[in-house]
Amino acid sequence: MTFPFFDTPRDEASQRVAFSGNRIDRQAEARTDDASARALENPDARLLLFAQGRLFMRIEGDEALDPYFTLHDARNFAPDLEQTVLLGHEAGRPVLAVPSTADIETLPEPLKAFDYRSIYMQGLLEPSQLGAMAQGAALLAWHDSHRFCGRCGNETEMRDGGYKRHCPSCGRDHFPRTDPVVIMLAVRGEHCLLGRSPHFAPGMVSCLAGFVEPGETIEAAVRRETQEEAGITVGSVAYHASQPWPFPYSLMIGCYGKAETEAVTMDENELEACRWFSREEARLMLDDKHPEGYRVPPTGAIANTLIRDWVFAS
């Protein structure tokens, strides 16, 4: 007897989004409290340096960018080695995320601090490096916002190579969190529903999205968010792809929703525009040729993948 969900080989859409190319072996079973310190002693260790939502990179040769540093080089840029997180190993070498207190405005040439969105949108790193950056950025952001115990309020300590914080006062252990976010393309026949948030770039429209609430399934979150933001009732929901999203530590869960109603009632507190677009309009937006100047998020964004895969569905 076969299991039908695995019978038909298919393209895994999650492999085509930004931040998904991480090749680090996390070796979770081997983590110890001194794992980061021991990894720093390895002469082959590669360090990623972060500060204020930015990643340090060297500009080399013909504008090639290198995000990795040796411990010797990293010491020149005020690393907080006590807060180092061991991401894992790649090609047998430890990879670590290190927060820095250096002034990002006065970094010496050829060093520059790039914000995460620019790195992703401009394609400044190859997929495995971008995935490592997302892992490190998310973990360091979590540590920064969880320095104090949620039970007793006392300061916590990093443990397990950066994958746990322990409260020495009450004994509570805290583990890194990932916030689930549904992002969905509601479709009705040959049309899809796209909205525009006030903070979007000019002309950009995208899929609707929202956080999954406690006690809620992914499907229920898709239906609730679509109803709340656009007044559209969704019936069937199908999962399509996911994307790590280090802003600060989310997982985007991409779905399609079959719309059962057509009239849009927009939540003006969330959106400044929302309407149905035909498949041909969506195709033109993917090519940046829409006659009214509408466009969709760039390649690499899970919204682009959802829209593109719907447009070209056979």
C-alpha atoms as a PDB file:
ATOM      1  CA  MET A   1       0.000   0.000   0.000  1.00  0.00           C
ATOM      2  CA  THR A   2       1.421   3.393  -0.994  1.00  0.00           C
ATOM      3  CA  PHE A   3       1.076   6.708   0.807  1.00  0.00           C
ATOM      4  CA  PRO A   4      -0.426   9.088  -1.789  1.00  0.00           C
ATOM      5  CA  PHE A   5       1.123  12.299  -0.493  1.00  0.00           C
ATOM      6  CA  PHE A   6       4.585  11.118  -1.590  1.00  0.00           C
ATOM      7  CA  ASP A   7       3.625   9.420  -4.850  1.00  0.00           C
ATOM      8  CA  THR A   8       4.130  12.355  -7.205  1.00  0.00           C
ATOM      9  CA  PRO A   9       7.555  14.061  -7.253  1.00  0.00           C
ATOM     10  CA  ARG A  10       7.206  17.830  -7.148  1.00  0.00           C
ATOM     11  CA  ASP A  11       9.243  20.950  -6.921  1.00  0.00           C
ATOM     12  CA  GLU A  12       9.656  22.037  -3.299  1.00  0.00           C
ATOM     13  CA  ALA A  13       8.686  25.687  -3.469  1.00  0.00           C
ATOM     14  CA  SER A  14      10.334  26.447  -0.120  1.00  0.00           C
ATOM     15  CA  GLN A  15      13.721  25.899  -1.759  1.00  0.00           C
ATOM     16  CA  ARG A  16      13.087  28.867  -4.075  1.00  0.00           C
ATOM     17  CA  VAL A  17      12.624  31.549  -1.436  1.00  0.00           C
ATOM     18  CA  ALA A  18      15.232  33.752   0.202  1.00  0.00           C
ATOM     19  CA  PHE A  19      16.838  32.613   3.492  1.00  0.00           C
ATOM     20  CA  SER A  20      16.101  28.931   2.767  1.00  0.00           C
ATOM     21  CA  GLY A  21      19.516  27.842   1.469  1.00  0.00           C
ATOM     22  CA  ASN A  22      21.096  27.247   4.861  1.00  0.00           C
ATOM     23  CA  ARG A  23      23.536  24.293   4.716  1.00  0.00           C
ATOM     24  CA  ILE A  24      24.677  24.431   8.326  1.00  0.00           C
ATOM     25  CA  ASP A  25      24.551  21.167  10.252  1.00  0.00           C
ATOM     26  CA  ARG A  26      23.102  22.342  13.561  1.00  0.00           C
ATOM     27  CA  GLN A  27      24.228  19.235  15.502  1.00  0.00           C
ATOM     28  CA  ALA A  28      21.620  19.916  18.174  1.00  0.00           C
ATOM     29  CA  GLU A  29      22.314  16.646  19.935  1.00  0.00           C
ATOM     30  CA  ALA A  30      25.938  17.686  20.583  1.00  0.00           C
ATOM     31  CA  ARG A  31      25.317  21.127  22.076  1.00  0.00           C
ATOM     32  CA  THR A  32      26.803  21.831  25.495  1.00  0.00           C
ATOM     33  CA  ASP A  33      26.999  24.963  27.607  1.00  0.00           C
ATOM     34  CA  ASP A  34      30.608  25.532  26.526  1.00  0.00           C
ATOM     35  CA  ALA A  35      29.990  24.680  22.844  1.00  0.00           C
ATOM     36  CA  SER A  36      30.463  28.257  21.635  1.00  0.00           C
ATOM     37  CA  ALA A  37      33.655  28.778  23.626  1.00  0.00           C
ATOM     38  CA  ARG A  38      35.139  25.551  22.319  1.00  0.00           C
ATOM     39  CA  ALA A  39      34.158  26.405  18.756  1.00  0.00           C
ATOM     40  CA  LEU A  40      35.895  29.785  19.049  1.00  0.00           C
ATOM     41  CA  GLU A  41      39.122  27.936  19.821  1.00  0.00           C
ATOM     42  CA  ASN A  42      38.954  26.184  16.454  1.00  0.00           C
ATOM     43  CA  PRO A  43      41.315  28.003  14.023  1.00  0.00           C
ATOM     44  CA  ASP A  44      38.907  27.203  11.178  1.00  0.00           C
ATOM     45  CA  ALA A  45      35.932  28.835  12.889  1.00  0.00           C
ATOM     46  CA  ARG A  46      33.987  31.314  10.751  1.00  0.00           C
ATOM     47  CA  LEU A  47      32.271  34.213  12.477  1.00  0.00           C
ATOM     48  CA  LEU A  48      29.337  36.336  11.326  1.00  0.00           C
ATOM     49  CA  LEU A  49      29.349  39.776  12.980  1.00  0.00           C
ATOM     50  CA  PHE A  50      26.059  41.587  13.683  1.00  0.00           C
ATOM     51  CA  ALA A  51      25.167  45.007  15.045  1.00  0.00           C
ATOM     52  CA  GLN A  52      21.965  47.076  15.030  1.00  0.00           C
ATOM     53  CA  GLY A  53      20.139  44.911  12.501  1.00  0.00           C
ATOM     54  CA  ARG A  54      23.123  44.797  10.172  1.00  0.00           C
ATOM     55  CA  LEU A  55      25.707  42.272   9.055  1.00  0.00           C
ATOM     56  CA  PHE A  56      29.372  43.193   8.691  1.00  0.00           C
ATOM     57  CA  MET A  57      30.928  42.308   5.324  1.00  0.00           C
ATOM     58  CA  ARG A  58      34.224  42.941   3.579  1.00  0.00           C
ATOM     59  CA  ILE A  59      34.128  44.288   0.061  1.00  0.00           C
ATOM     60  CA  GLU A  60      36.725  42.415  -1.946  1.00  0.00           C
ATOM     61  CA  GLY A  61      37.948  42.731  -5.519  1.00  0.00           C
ATOM     62  CA  ASP A  62      35.150  43.365  -8.013  1.00  0.00           C
ATOM     63  CA  GLU A  63      32.573  44.199  -5.355  1.00  0.00           C
ATOM     64  CA  ALA A  64      32.540  40.606  -4.030  1.00  0.00           C
ATOM     65  CA  LEU A  65      31.288  40.475  -0.460  1.00  0.00           C
ATOM     66  CA  ASP A  66      32.621  38.211   2.274  1.00  0.00           C
ATOM     67  CA  PRO A  67      30.523  37.919   5.460  1.00  0.00           C
ATOM     68  CA  TYR A  68      32.862  35.569   7.343  1.00  0.00           C
ATOM     69  CA  PHE A  69      35.639  36.544   9.747  1.00  0.00           C
ATOM     70  CA  THR A  70      38.292  34.664  11.689  1.00  0.00           C
ATOM     71  CA  LEU A  71      38.359  35.218  15.436  1.00  0.00           C
ATOM     72  CA  HIS A  72      41.609  37.146  15.006  1.00  0.00           C
ATOM     73  CA  ASP A  73      40.013  39.571  12.535  1.00  0.00           C
ATOM     74  CA  ALA A  74      36.747  39.830  14.463  1.00  0.00           C
ATOM     75  CA  ARG A  75      38.562  41.041  17.589  1.00  0.00           C
ATOM     76  CA  ASN A  76      39.178  44.350  15.798  1.00  0.00           C
ATOM     77  CA  PHE A  77      35.445  45.112  15.739  1.00  0.00           C
ATOM     78  CA  ALA A  78      34.343  44.948  19.385  1.00  0.00           C
ATOM     79  CA  PRO A  79      32.794  41.466  19.417  1.00  0.00           C
ATOM     80  CA  ASP A  80      30.780  40.463  22.471  1.00  0.00           C
ATOM     81  CA  LEU A  81      32.189  36.950  22.621  1.00  0.00           C
ATOM     82  CA  GLU A  82      30.232  36.104  25.773  1.00  0.00           C
ATOM     83  CA  GLN A  83      27.036  36.315  23.714  1.00  0.00           C
ATOM     84  CA  THR A  84      28.306  34.230  20.790  1.00  0.00           C
ATOM     85  CA  VAL A  85      25.886  31.657  19.356  1.00  0.00           C
ATOM     86  CA  LEU A  86      27.156  28.485  17.723  1.00  0.00           C
ATOM     87  CA  LEU A  87      24.966  28.055  14.629  1.00  0.00           C
ATOM     88  CA  GLY A  88      26.484  24.680  13.793  1.00  0.00           C
ATOM     89  CA  HIS A  89      29.057  23.351  11.342  1.00  0.00           C
ATOM     90  CA  GLU A  90      29.424  23.673   7.586  1.00  0.00           C
ATOM     91  CA  ALA A  91      32.020  21.629   5.709  1.00  0.00           C
ATOM     92  CA  GLY A  92      33.410  20.594   9.085  1.00  0.00           C
ATOM     93  CA  ARG A  93      34.017  24.162  10.252  1.00  0.00           C
ATOM     94  CA  PRO A  94      32.092  25.826  13.085  1.00  0.00           C
ATOM     95  CA  VAL A  95      29.967  28.835  12.126  1.00  0.00           C
ATOM     96  CA  LEU A  96      29.138  31.351  14.854  1.00  0.00           C
ATOM     97  CA  ALA A  97      26.984  34.465  15.160  1.00  0.00           C
ATOM     98  CA  VAL A  98      28.603  37.221  17.208  1.00  0.00           C
ATOM     99  CA  PRO A  99      27.053  40.522  18.303  1.00  0.00           C
ATOM    100  CA  SER A 100      29.320  43.548  18.012  1.00  0.00           C
ATOM    101  CA  THR A 101      29.305  46.867  19.848  1.00  0.00           C
ATOM    102  CA  ALA A 102      31.356  48.623  17.165  1.00  0.00           C
ATOM    103  CA  ASP A 103      30.139  51.897  15.690  1.00  0.00           C
ATOM    104  CA  ILE A 104      28.700  50.861  12.326  1.00  0.00           C
ATOM    105  CA  GLU A 105      29.178  54.384  10.948  1.00  0.00           C
ATOM    106  CA  THR A 106      32.946  54.387  11.445  1.00  0.00           C
ATOM    107  CA  LEU A 107      33.978  50.955  10.220  1.00  0.00           C
ATOM    108  CA  PRO A 108      37.317  50.980   8.380  1.00  0.00           C
ATOM    109  CA  GLU A 109      37.587  50.191   4.692  1.00  0.00           C
ATOM    110  CA  PRO A 110      36.895  47.737   3.137  1.00  0.00           C
ATOM    111  CA  LEU A 111      34.343  46.856   5.842  1.00  0.00           C
ATOM    112  CA  LYS A 112      30.692  47.862   5.679  1.00  0.00           C
ATOM    113  CA  ALA A 113      27.559  46.994   7.683  1.00  0.00           C
ATOM    114  CA  PHE A 114      24.592  46.097   5.483  1.00  0.00           C
ATOM    115  CA  ASP A 115      21.010  45.866   6.763  1.00  0.00           C
ATOM    116  CA  TYR A 116      19.339  42.498   6.289  1.00  0.00           C
ATOM    117  CA  ARG A 117      16.656  43.661   3.856  1.00  0.00           C
ATOM    118  CA  SER A 118      19.201  45.252   1.533  1.00  0.00           C
ATOM    119  CA  ILE A 119      21.291  42.079   1.566  1.00  0.00           C
ATOM    120  CA  TYR A 120      18.275  39.986   0.601  1.00  0.00           C
ATOM    121  CA  MET A 121      16.678  42.356  -1.911  1.00  0.00           C
ATOM    122  CA  GLN A 122      19.947  43.170  -3.677  1.00  0.00           C
ATOM    123  CA  GLY A 123      21.144  39.563  -3.747  1.00  0.00           C
ATOM    124  CA  LEU A 124      24.408  40.408  -2.002  1.00  0.00           C
ATOM    125  CA  LEU A 125      24.980  36.899  -0.622  1.00  0.00           C
ATOM    126  CA  GLU A 126      24.704  33.457  -2.128  1.00  0.00           C
ATOM    127  CA  PRO A 127      21.893  31.232  -0.735  1.00  0.00           C
ATOM    128  CA  SER A 128      23.852  29.323   1.913  1.00  0.00           C
ATOM    129  CA  GLN A 129      25.342  32.537   3.317  1.00  0.00           C
ATOM    130  CA  LEU A 130      21.937  34.227   3.304  1.00  0.00           C
ATOM    131  CA  GLY A 131      20.473  31.270   5.186  1.00  0.00           C
ATOM    132  CA  ALA A 132      23.247  31.401   7.781  1.00  0.00           C
ATOM    133  CA  MET A 133      22.663  35.132   8.202  1.00  0.00           C
ATOM    134  CA  ALA A 134      18.945  34.538   8.804  1.00  0.00           C
ATOM    135  CA  GLN A 135      19.676  31.893  11.432  1.00  0.00           C
ATOM    136  CA  GLY A 136      22.185  34.091  13.243  1.00  0.00           C
ATOM    137  CA  ALA A 137      20.108  37.272  13.042  1.00  0.00           C
ATOM    138  CA  ALA A 138      17.014  35.554  14.426  1.00  0.00           C
ATOM    139  CA  LEU A 139      18.856  33.932  17.317  1.00  0.00           C
ATOM    140  CA  LEU A 140      20.690  37.098  18.344  1.00  0.00           C
ATOM    141  CA  ALA A 141      17.442  39.091  18.181  1.00  0.00           C
ATOM    142  CA  TRP A 142      15.772  36.530  20.444  1.00  0.00           C
ATOM    143  CA  HIS A 143      18.613  36.697  22.969  1.00  0.00           C
ATOM    144  CA  ASP A 144      18.496  40.490  22.960  1.00  0.00           C
ATOM    145  CA  SER A 145      14.775  40.515  23.788  1.00  0.00           C
ATOM    146  CA  HIS A 146      14.894  37.697  26.364  1.00  0.00           C
ATOM    147  CA  ARG A 147      17.678  38.798  28.677  1.00  0.00           C
ATOM    148  CA  PHE A 148      15.359  38.685  31.681  1.00  0.00           C
ATOM    149  CA  CYS A 149      13.286  35.817  33.006  1.00  0.00           C
ATOM    150  CA  GLY A 150       9.596  35.994  32.201  1.00  0.00           C
ATOM    151  CA  ARG A 151       8.775  34.185  35.452  1.00  0.00           C
ATOM    152  CA  CYS A 152      10.799  36.082  38.095  1.00  0.00           C
ATOM    153  CA  GLY A 153      12.320  39.037  36.214  1.00  0.00           C
ATOM    154  CA  ASN A 154      15.944  38.249  37.017  1.00  0.00           C
ATOM    155  CA  GLU A 155      18.677  38.282  34.381  1.00  0.00           C
ATOM    156  CA  THR A 156      19.166  35.030  32.478  1.00  0.00           C
ATOM    157  CA  GLU A 157      22.333  33.344  31.214  1.00  0.00           C
ATOM    158  CA  MET A 158      23.083  31.920  27.788  1.00  0.00           C
ATOM    159  CA  ARG A 159      23.443  28.147  27.730  1.00  0.00           C
ATOM    160  CA  ASP A 160      23.591  25.294  25.199  1.00  0.00           C
ATOM    161  CA  GLY A 161      25.848  27.190  22.820  1.00  0.00           C
ATOM    162  CA  GLY A 162      23.203  29.896  22.441  1.00  0.00           C
ATOM    163  CA  TYR A 163      20.086  27.724  22.098  1.00  0.00           C
ATOM    164  CA  LYS A 164      18.825  28.265  25.630  1.00  0.00           C
ATOM    165  CA  ARG A 165      18.723  30.906  28.338  1.00  0.00           C
ATOM    166  CA  HIS A 166      18.718  29.791  31.955  1.00  0.00           C
ATOM    167  CA  CYS A 167      17.520  31.753  34.944  1.00  0.00           C
ATOM    168  CA  PRO A 168      19.850  31.060  37.900  1.00  0.00           C
ATOM    169  CA  SER A 169      17.339  32.621  40.252  1.00  0.00           C
ATOM    170  CA  CYS A 170      14.243  30.463  39.679  1.00  0.00           C
ATOM    171  CA  GLY A 171      15.738  27.702  37.513  1.00  0.00           C
ATOM    172  CA  ARG A 172      13.490  28.368  34.513  1.00  0.00           C
ATOM    173  CA  ASP A 173      14.879  27.515  31.063  1.00  0.00           C
ATOM    174  CA  HIS A 174      13.878  29.615  28.052  1.00  0.00           C
ATOM    175  CA  PHE A 175      14.263  28.433  24.470  1.00  0.00           C
ATOM    176  CA  PRO A 176      14.428  30.375  21.188  1.00  0.00           C
ATOM    177  CA  ARG A 177      11.042  31.074  19.693  1.00  0.00           C
ATOM    178  CA  THR A 178       9.859  31.349  16.124  1.00  0.00           C
ATOM    179  CA  ASP A 179       6.685  33.322  15.480  1.00  0.00           C
ATOM    180  CA  PRO A 180       4.414  31.636  12.877  1.00  0.00           C
ATOM    181  CA  VAL A 181       2.928  33.980  10.287  1.00  0.00           C
ATOM    182  CA  VAL A 182       0.459  32.942   7.599  1.00  0.00           C
ATOM    183  CA  ILE A 183       0.797  34.592   4.215  1.00  0.00           C
ATOM    184  CA  MET A 184      -1.900  33.655   1.764  1.00  0.00           C
ATOM    185  CA  LEU A 185      -3.044  34.193  -1.768  1.00  0.00           C
ATOM    186  CA  ALA A 186      -6.827  34.048  -1.923  1.00  0.00           C
ATOM    187  CA  VAL A 187      -7.945  32.962  -5.404  1.00  0.00           C
ATOM    188  CA  ARG A 188     -11.323  32.973  -7.092  1.00  0.00           C
ATOM    189  CA  GLY A 189     -11.386  31.511 -10.589  1.00  0.00           C
ATOM    190  CA  GLU A 190      -8.927  33.492 -12.699  1.00  0.00           C
ATOM    191  CA  HIS A 191      -8.416  36.214 -10.094  1.00  0.00           C
ATOM    192  CA  CYS A 192      -6.274  36.603  -6.981  1.00  0.00           C
ATOM    193  CA  LEU A 193      -6.615  38.985  -4.047  1.00  0.00           C
ATOM    194  CA  LEU A 194      -3.752  41.403  -3.353  1.00  0.00           C
ATOM    195  CA  GLY A 195      -3.485  44.255  -0.894  1.00  0.00           C
ATOM    196  CA  ARG A 196      -1.276  47.216  -0.190  1.00  0.00           C
ATOM    197  CA  SER A 197       0.057  48.173   3.234  1.00  0.00           C
ATOM    198  CA  PRO A 198       0.924  51.844   3.902  1.00  0.00           C
ATOM    199  CA  HIS A 199       4.605  51.015   4.422  1.00  0.00           C
ATOM    200  CA  PHE A 200       5.012  49.310   1.017  1.00  0.00           C
ATOM    201  CA  ALA A 201       7.154  50.818  -1.721  1.00  0.00           C
ATOM    202  CA  PRO A 202       5.226  52.820  -4.343  1.00  0.00           C
ATOM    203  CA  GLY A 203       3.014  50.631  -6.525  1.00  0.00           C
ATOM    204  CA  MET A 204       3.669  47.412  -4.621  1.00  0.00           C
ATOM    205  CA  VAL A 205       0.869  45.020  -3.742  1.00  0.00           C
ATOM    206  CA  SER A 206       1.228  41.651  -2.058  1.00  0.00           C
ATOM    207  CA  CYS A 207      -0.501  38.705  -0.441  1.00  0.00           C
ATOM    208  CA  LEU A 208      -2.332  39.256   2.826  1.00  0.00           C
ATOM    209  CA  ALA A 209      -0.577  38.045   5.968  1.00  0.00           C
ATOM    210  CA  GLY A 210      -0.883  37.869   9.735  1.00  0.00           C
ATOM    211  CA  PHE A 211       0.348  36.133  12.871  1.00  0.00           C
ATOM    212  CA  VAL A 212      -1.089  32.788  13.918  1.00  0.00           C
ATOM    213  CA  GLU A 213      -2.831  33.240  17.260  1.00  0.00           C
ATOM    214  CA  PRO A 214      -2.635  30.847  20.241  1.00  0.00           C
ATOM    215  CA  GLY A 215      -4.838  27.780  19.863  1.00  0.00           C
ATOM    216  CA  GLU A 216      -5.299  28.384  16.134  1.00  0.00           C
ATOM    217  CA  THR A 217      -4.549  26.119  13.187  1.00  0.00           C
ATOM    218  CA  ILE A 218      -2.797  27.431  10.109  1.00  0.00           C
ATOM    219  CA  GLU A 219      -5.982  26.988   8.080  1.00  0.00           C
ATOM    220  CA  ALA A 220      -8.053  28.879  10.643  1.00  0.00           C
ATOM    221  CA  ALA A 221      -5.504  31.704  10.674  1.00  0.00           C
ATOM    222  CA  VAL A 222      -5.668  31.981   6.866  1.00  0.00           C
ATOM    223  CA  ARG A 223      -9.458  32.228   6.986  1.00  0.00           C
ATOM    224  CA  ARG A 224      -9.524  34.669   9.897  1.00  0.00           C
ATOM    225  CA  GLU A 225      -6.874  37.048   8.528  1.00  0.00           C
ATOM    226  CA  THR A 226      -8.450  37.134   5.064  1.00  0.00           C
ATOM    227  CA  GLN A 227     -11.859  37.855   6.600  1.00  0.00           C
ATOM    228  CA  GLU A 228     -10.486  40.524   8.936  1.00  0.00           C
ATOM    229  CA  GLU A 229      -8.373  42.362   6.371  1.00  0.00           C
ATOM    230  CA  ALA A 230     -10.523  42.055   3.262  1.00  0.00           C
ATOM    231  CA  GLY A 231     -13.949  40.765   4.307  1.00  0.00           C
ATOM    232  CA  ILE A 232     -13.481  37.713   2.075  1.00  0.00           C
ATOM    233  CA  THR A 233     -14.674  34.285   3.187  1.00  0.00           C
ATOM    234  CA  VAL A 234     -12.182  31.503   2.462  1.00  0.00           C
ATOM    235  CA  GLY A 235     -13.124  27.831   2.237  1.00  0.00           C
ATOM    236  CA  SER A 236     -10.445  25.314   1.304  1.00  0.00           C
ATOM    237  CA  VAL A 237      -6.863  26.116   2.309  1.00  0.00           C
ATOM    238  CA  ALA A 238      -3.769  24.501   0.799  1.00  0.00           C
ATOM    239  CA  TYR A 239      -0.227  24.810   2.130  1.00  0.00           C
ATOM    240  CA  HIS A 240       2.401  25.672  -0.499  1.00  0.00           C
ATOM    241  CA  ALA A 241       5.733  26.798   0.982  1.00  0.00           C
ATOM    242  CA  SER A 242       7.445  28.324   4.018  1.00  0.00           C
ATOM    243  CA  GLN A 243      10.200  30.878   4.521  1.00  0.00           C
ATOM    244  CA  PRO A 244      12.439  31.752   7.489  1.00  0.00           C
ATOM    245  CA  TRP A 245      12.014  35.481   8.048  1.00  0.00           C
ATOM    246  CA  PRO A 246      14.579  37.124  10.380  1.00  0.00           C
ATOM    247  CA  PHE A 247      12.488  40.243  11.123  1.00  0.00           C
ATOM    248  CA  PRO A 248      13.012  39.466  13.922  1.00  0.00           C
ATOM    249  CA  TYR A 249      12.360  35.690  14.184  1.00  0.00           C
ATOM    250  CA  SER A 250       9.340  34.549  12.184  1.00  0.00           C
ATOM    251  CA  LEU A 251       8.393  31.667   9.927  1.00  0.00           C
ATOM    252  CA  MET A 252       6.237  32.656   6.965  1.00  0.00           C
ATOM    253  CA  ILE A 253       3.762  29.890   6.110  1.00  0.00           C
ATOM    254  CA  GLY A 254       2.568  30.331   2.531  1.00  0.00           C
ATOM    255  CA  CYS A 255      -0.898  29.075   1.611  1.00  0.00           C
ATOM    256  CA  TYR A 256      -3.573  29.327  -1.052  1.00  0.00           C
ATOM    257  CA  GLY A 257      -7.148  29.987  -0.004  1.00  0.00           C
ATOM    258  CA  LYS A 258     -10.211  29.311  -2.136  1.00  0.00           C
ATOM    259  CA  ALA A 259     -12.370  32.417  -1.874  1.00  0.00           C
ATOM    260  CA  GLU A 260     -16.092  31.816  -1.493  1.00  0.00           C
ATOM    261  CA  THR A 261     -17.119  35.482  -1.685  1.00  0.00           C
ATOM    262  CA  GLU A 262     -16.116  38.336  -3.977  1.00  0.00           C
ATOM    263  CA  ALA A 263     -17.026  41.686  -2.400  1.00  0.00           C
ATOM    264  CA  VAL A 264     -14.003  43.273  -0.710  1.00  0.00           C
ATOM    265  CA  THR A 265     -14.512  45.098   2.591  1.00  0.00           C
ATOM    266  CA  MET A 266     -11.071  46.423   3.428  1.00  0.00           C
ATOM    267  CA  ASP A 267      -9.757  47.025   6.948  1.00  0.00           C
ATOM    268  CA  GLU A 268      -8.398  50.553   6.550  1.00  0.00           C
ATOM    269  CA  ASN A 269      -6.327  50.198   9.718  1.00  0.00           C
ATOM    270  CA  GLU A 270      -4.296  47.463   8.005  1.00  0.00           C
ATOM    271  CA  LEU A 271      -4.459  48.275   4.291  1.00  0.00           C
ATOM    272  CA  GLU A 272      -4.705  51.300   2.058  1.00  0.00           C
ATOM    273  CA  ALA A 273      -5.813  49.307  -0.996  1.00  0.00           C
ATOM    274  CA  CYS A 274      -7.083  45.798  -1.703  1.00  0.00           C
ATOM    275  CA  ARG A 275      -8.673  44.344  -4.827  1.00  0.00           C
ATOM    276  CA  TRP A 276      -8.878  41.393  -7.177  1.00  0.00           C
ATOM    277  CA  PHE A 277      -6.313  41.099  -9.970  1.00  0.00           C
ATOM    278  CA  SER A 278      -6.671  38.870 -13.007  1.00  0.00           C
ATOM    279  CA  ARG A 279      -4.115  36.193 -13.788  1.00  0.00           C
ATOM    280  CA  GLU A 280      -2.909  38.261 -16.747  1.00  0.00           C
ATOM    281  CA  GLU A 281      -2.478  41.341 -14.536  1.00  0.00           C
ATOM    282  CA  ALA A 282      -0.467  39.276 -12.079  1.00  0.00           C
ATOM    283  CA  ARG A 283       1.683  38.010 -14.943  1.00  0.00           C
ATOM    284  CA  LEU A 284       2.358  41.598 -16.016  1.00  0.00           C
ATOM    285  CA  MET A 285       3.262  42.577 -12.441  1.00  0.00           C
ATOM    286  CA  LEU A 286       5.777  39.754 -12.246  1.00  0.00           C
ATOM    287  CA  ASP A 287       7.421  41.256 -15.352  1.00  0.00           C
ATOM    288  CA  ASP A 288       7.075  44.815 -13.959  1.00  0.00           C
ATOM    289  CA  LYS A 289       4.885  45.748 -16.935  1.00  0.00           C
ATOM    290  CA  HIS A 290       1.492  46.447 -15.370  1.00  0.00           C
ATOM    291  CA  PRO A 291      -0.059  49.462 -17.174  1.00  0.00           C
ATOM    292  CA  GLU A 292      -1.077  51.094 -13.875  1.00  0.00           C
ATOM    293  CA  GLY A 293       2.362  50.630 -12.331  1.00  0.00           C
ATOM    294  CA  TYR A 294       1.425  47.872  -9.911  1.00  0.00           C
ATOM    295  CA  ARG A 295       4.182  45.461  -8.966  1.00  0.00           C
ATOM    296  CA  VAL A 296       4.679  42.536  -6.601  1.00  0.00           C
ATOM    297  CA  PRO A 297       7.432  41.752  -4.062  1.00  0.00           C
ATOM    298  CA  PRO A 298      10.805  40.748  -5.528  1.00  0.00           C
ATOM    299  CA  THR A 299      11.975  37.272  -6.406  1.00  0.00           C
ATOM    300  CA  GLY A 300      12.950  35.509  -3.215  1.00  0.00           C
ATOM    301  CA  ALA A 301       9.958  36.767  -1.260  1.00  0.00           C
ATOM    302  CA  ILE A 302       7.457  34.033  -0.492  1.00  0.00           C
ATOM    303  CA  ALA A 303       4.677  36.320  -1.753  1.00  0.00           C
ATOM    304  CA  ASN A 304       6.368  36.365  -5.155  1.00  0.00           C
ATOM    305  CA  THR A 305       6.552  32.560  -5.105  1.00  0.00           C
ATOM    306  CA  LEU A 306       2.859  32.225  -4.236  1.00  0.00           C
ATOM    307  CA  ILE A 307       1.838  34.626  -6.985  1.00  0.00           C
ATOM    308  CA  ARG A 308       4.226  33.226  -9.592  1.00  0.00           C
ATOM    309  CA  ASP A 309       3.294  29.604  -8.984  1.00  0.00           C
ATOM    310  CA  TRP A 310      -0.416  30.443  -9.246  1.00  0.00           C
ATOM    311  CA  VAL A 311       0.075  32.461 -12.448  1.00  0.00           C
ATOM    312  CA  PHE A 312       1.979  29.676 -14.170  1.00  0.00           C
ATOM    313  CA  ALA A 313       0.006  26.756 -12.718  1.00  0.00           C
ATOM    314  CA  SER A 314      -0.794  24.233 -15.442  1.00  0.00           C
END
